[in-house]
Protein backbone atom coordinates (compact mmCIF):
# COMPACT_ATOMS: atom_id res chain seq x y z
CA UNK A 1 99.89 123.76 106.25
CA UNK A 2 102.49 120.99 106.55
CA UNK A 3 105.82 122.82 106.32
CA UNK A 4 108.11 120.01 107.44
CA UNK A 5 110.89 118.87 105.14
CA UNK A 6 109.68 116.00 102.96
CA UNK A 7 111.44 112.64 103.18
CA UNK A 8 112.11 110.69 100.00
CA UNK A 9 113.10 107.04 99.75
CA UNK A 10 115.29 106.35 96.71
CA UNK A 11 115.69 102.69 95.76
CA UNK A 12 118.90 101.93 93.87
CA UNK A 13 119.39 99.03 91.43
CA UNK A 14 123.17 99.17 91.15
CA UNK A 15 126.17 97.09 92.24
CA UNK A 16 129.23 99.18 91.32
CA UNK A 17 130.31 101.45 94.20
CA UNK A 18 131.33 104.37 91.98
CA UNK A 19 128.02 104.39 90.13
CA UNK A 20 126.09 104.05 93.39
CA UNK A 21 127.98 107.07 94.74
CA UNK A 22 127.49 109.10 91.56
CA UNK A 23 123.75 108.43 91.44
CA UNK A 24 123.40 109.54 95.05
CA UNK A 25 125.35 112.71 94.37
CA UNK A 26 123.24 113.50 91.32
CA UNK A 27 119.95 113.08 93.15
CA UNK A 28 121.13 115.08 96.16
CA UNK A 29 122.39 117.89 93.92
CA UNK A 30 119.19 117.98 91.85
CA UNK A 31 116.88 117.86 94.87
CA UNK A 32 118.93 120.31 96.89
CA UNK A 33 117.33 121.45 100.12
CA UNK A 34 113.77 120.81 98.96
CA UNK A 35 113.71 117.37 100.63
CA UNK A 36 115.74 114.77 102.51
CA UNK A 37 116.73 111.64 100.59
CA UNK A 38 117.50 108.21 102.01
CA UNK A 39 118.97 105.55 99.71
CA UNK A 40 118.41 101.81 99.93
CA UNK A 41 119.57 98.97 97.69
CA UNK A 42 117.00 96.80 95.96
CA UNK A 43 119.47 93.93 96.43
CA UNK A 44 119.26 94.13 100.24
CA UNK A 45 117.42 90.92 101.13
CA UNK A 46 116.98 91.99 104.77
CA UNK A 47 114.44 94.68 103.83
CA UNK A 48 110.69 94.10 104.12
CA UNK A 49 109.88 94.11 100.41
CA UNK A 50 106.68 92.12 100.97
CA UNK A 51 105.32 94.70 103.46
CA UNK A 52 105.09 97.96 101.48
CA UNK A 53 103.12 99.86 104.12
CA UNK A 54 105.81 99.17 106.69
CA UNK A 55 108.57 99.71 104.13
CA UNK A 56 107.33 103.21 103.22
CA UNK A 57 106.43 104.25 106.76
CA UNK A 58 107.97 107.62 107.59
CA UNK A 59 108.49 108.60 103.95
CA UNK A 60 106.50 111.02 101.80
CA UNK A 61 107.46 109.59 98.42
CA UNK A 62 109.56 106.94 96.69
CA UNK A 63 111.91 106.99 93.69
CA UNK A 64 112.91 103.93 91.68
CA UNK A 65 116.26 104.87 90.15
CA UNK A 66 118.14 103.77 87.07
CA UNK A 67 120.58 100.92 86.54
CA UNK A 68 123.65 100.33 84.42
CA UNK A 69 123.93 96.78 85.77
CA UNK A 70 120.60 95.17 84.87
CA UNK A 71 118.32 94.97 81.81
CA UNK A 72 115.09 93.17 81.03
CA UNK A 73 116.72 92.40 77.68
CA UNK A 74 119.65 94.69 76.85
CA UNK A 75 120.63 92.50 73.92
CA UNK A 76 121.94 89.94 76.41
CA UNK A 77 121.61 86.16 76.35
CA UNK A 78 118.39 84.92 77.97
CA UNK A 79 120.35 83.29 80.79
CA UNK A 80 122.57 86.30 81.43
CA UNK A 81 122.43 87.06 85.19
CA UNK A 82 121.80 90.74 84.43
CA UNK A 83 118.51 89.77 82.76
CA UNK A 84 117.52 87.23 85.39
CA UNK A 85 118.19 89.61 88.29
CA UNK A 86 116.03 92.28 86.61
CA UNK A 87 112.99 90.07 87.10
CA UNK A 88 113.99 89.39 90.70
CA UNK A 89 114.16 93.16 91.22
CA UNK A 90 110.70 93.53 89.68
CA UNK A 91 109.39 90.94 92.14
CA UNK A 92 110.94 92.88 95.04
CA UNK A 93 109.46 96.27 94.14
CA UNK A 94 106.12 95.33 92.57
CA UNK A 95 104.36 95.39 95.95
CA UNK A 96 105.74 98.86 96.64
CA UNK A 97 104.59 100.12 93.23
CA UNK A 98 101.14 98.56 93.62
CA UNK A 99 100.81 99.99 97.13
CA UNK A 100 101.83 103.46 95.94
CA UNK A 101 99.30 103.38 93.11
CA UNK A 102 96.51 102.08 95.35
CA UNK A 103 97.19 104.60 98.13
CA UNK A 104 97.92 107.55 95.80
CA UNK A 105 101.43 107.70 97.30
CA UNK A 106 103.88 109.85 95.29
CA UNK A 107 106.09 107.66 93.09
CA UNK A 108 108.75 108.51 90.52
CA UNK A 109 110.35 105.93 88.23
CA UNK A 110 113.56 106.94 86.45
CA UNK A 111 115.03 105.03 83.46
CA UNK A 112 115.19 101.44 84.77
CA UNK A 113 112.51 102.43 87.29
CA UNK A 114 110.39 103.67 84.36
CA UNK A 115 110.90 100.29 82.68
CA UNK A 116 110.05 98.29 85.81
CA UNK A 117 106.68 100.02 86.15
CA UNK A 118 106.02 99.71 82.41
CA UNK A 119 106.83 95.98 82.54
CA UNK A 120 104.37 95.59 85.41
CA UNK A 121 101.66 97.13 83.23
CA UNK A 122 102.20 95.18 79.99
CA UNK A 123 104.48 97.81 78.45
CA UNK A 124 106.63 95.05 76.92
CA UNK A 125 110.13 96.31 77.71
CA UNK A 126 112.56 95.13 75.05
CA UNK A 127 115.92 95.92 73.45
CA UNK A 128 114.50 98.25 70.78
CA UNK A 129 117.60 99.56 69.01
CA UNK A 130 115.62 102.37 67.38
CA UNK A 131 114.79 103.78 70.81
CA UNK A 132 117.98 103.06 72.79
CA UNK A 133 120.29 106.07 73.12
CA UNK A 134 122.89 107.95 75.16
CA UNK A 135 123.17 111.71 75.54
CA UNK A 136 120.81 114.69 75.39
CA UNK A 137 117.63 114.57 73.33
CA UNK A 138 114.67 116.90 73.00
CA UNK A 139 111.47 115.84 74.76
CA UNK A 140 108.14 117.15 73.46
CA UNK A 141 105.13 117.23 75.76
CA UNK A 142 101.89 115.83 74.42
CA UNK A 143 98.60 117.69 74.84
CA UNK A 144 98.04 115.66 78.01
CA UNK A 145 101.51 116.62 79.18
CA UNK A 146 100.86 120.31 78.58
CA UNK A 147 97.73 120.04 80.76
CA UNK A 148 99.32 117.91 83.46
CA UNK A 149 99.41 119.57 86.91
CA UNK A 150 103.12 118.74 87.22
CA UNK A 151 104.64 118.82 83.72
CA UNK A 152 102.68 121.88 82.60
CA UNK A 153 105.26 123.91 84.54
CA UNK A 154 107.90 122.93 81.95
CA UNK A 155 108.30 124.26 78.38
CA UNK A 156 106.50 122.28 75.67
CA UNK A 157 109.95 121.07 74.52
CA UNK A 158 113.10 120.61 76.60
CA UNK A 159 116.35 118.64 76.51
CA UNK A 160 116.87 115.67 78.84
CA UNK A 161 119.66 113.16 79.41
CA UNK A 162 119.25 109.55 78.28
CA UNK A 163 121.31 106.41 78.86
CA UNK A 164 119.42 103.21 78.06
CA UNK A 165 119.32 100.16 75.81
CA UNK A 166 115.86 98.83 76.67
CA UNK A 167 112.57 100.68 76.12
CA UNK A 168 108.85 100.17 76.56
CA UNK A 169 107.50 99.10 73.19
CA UNK A 170 103.79 99.45 74.05
CA UNK A 171 101.92 102.10 76.02
CA UNK A 172 101.60 100.49 79.47
CA UNK A 173 98.09 99.73 80.64
CA UNK A 174 96.61 102.45 82.83
CA UNK A 175 99.22 105.03 81.84
CA UNK A 176 98.88 108.44 80.20
CA UNK A 177 101.52 109.54 77.69
CA UNK A 178 102.84 112.97 78.71
CA UNK A 179 106.03 113.28 76.64
CA UNK A 180 108.03 111.68 73.84
CA UNK A 181 111.08 112.23 71.64
CA UNK A 182 111.74 111.46 67.99
CA UNK A 183 113.30 108.16 69.10
CA UNK A 184 111.55 107.54 72.43
CA UNK A 185 107.86 106.77 72.10
CA UNK A 186 107.12 106.82 75.83
CA UNK A 187 109.48 109.34 77.43
CA UNK A 188 107.14 110.51 80.21
CA UNK A 189 104.20 108.59 81.65
CA UNK A 190 101.70 109.13 84.44
CA UNK A 191 99.83 106.39 86.28
CA UNK A 192 96.88 107.58 88.33
CA UNK A 193 97.28 111.02 89.88
CA UNK A 194 100.68 110.91 91.62
CA UNK A 195 102.86 108.30 89.95
CA UNK A 196 105.18 109.54 87.19
CA UNK A 197 107.94 107.85 85.23
CA UNK A 198 110.60 109.15 82.84
CA UNK A 199 112.84 107.18 80.49
CA UNK A 200 115.40 109.98 80.84
CA UNK A 201 117.42 110.97 83.91
CA UNK A 202 116.08 114.20 85.48
CA UNK A 203 118.83 114.05 88.11
CA UNK A 204 121.57 114.46 85.47
CA UNK A 205 122.44 117.76 83.76
CA UNK A 206 124.90 116.37 81.22
CA UNK A 207 126.08 112.93 80.10
CA UNK A 208 129.67 112.07 79.27
CA UNK A 209 128.62 110.47 75.98
CA UNK A 210 126.31 111.21 73.08
CA UNK A 211 125.02 114.63 71.99
CA UNK A 212 126.32 117.29 74.38
CA UNK A 213 123.57 119.61 75.51
CA UNK A 214 122.87 120.96 78.95
CA UNK A 215 119.40 120.10 80.21
CA UNK A 216 118.57 122.87 82.66
CA UNK A 217 114.81 122.54 82.21
CA UNK A 218 114.89 118.80 82.92
CA UNK A 219 117.02 119.49 85.99
CA UNK A 220 114.10 121.46 87.45
CA UNK A 221 111.87 118.37 87.33
CA UNK A 222 112.83 116.93 90.73
CA UNK A 223 112.26 120.15 92.73
CA UNK A 224 108.99 120.64 90.81
CA UNK A 225 107.95 117.06 91.55
CA UNK A 226 108.57 117.62 95.25
CA UNK A 227 106.63 120.91 95.24
CA UNK A 228 103.68 119.95 93.04
CA UNK A 229 103.27 116.22 93.63
CA UNK A 230 104.90 115.29 96.94
CA UNK A 231 104.00 118.45 98.87
CA UNK A 232 100.94 119.13 96.71
CA UNK A 233 101.37 122.91 96.91
CA UNK A 234 100.93 123.55 93.18
């Protein structure tokens, strides 16, 4: 049995130092001692984005994190840099996502990361005001979610923390719907066997805005992901 500590690469899509720091703290707190996490910026042009095998060498899994700086739409003008850079980011990470899916390499997309992977698979990410939200909302697992090797460890309903303007407006091609909320049609998706994405933030226990509910069940998602998907110990 492989008992070494797993190494996770977390790719950040942020520019503001305080938010970069906070995201790192949240992931480290949520993951705890179950794995080591290394953070890289998607805006670092020196990295080998075009060589995913080399890029992921030495890691056991990869996380695409959220972003408060960039949107595929976000209600912004078409020429807004925040929109334009989003598509540059997609170009940077698409080879990594494709490589992970092809090689069955553990992948987790969170919020903006969820949207990037959906956009890659014709999920049509848009500024759907009926789905955008901030705060804690109840996620309900679908029948597929209740049978999923990973998400079946969670209750059929649980609260999770959201902070997004854009949403996938179509079920992405090749994905399986595992969870949804009353105002989030595609809250949890699976692609293949080991790639999962969530529109909510499993690394956050409580938001500073919106409905105030703790989300202890959702906070168990990252350690469960490491145990059941990355380590594959069930």
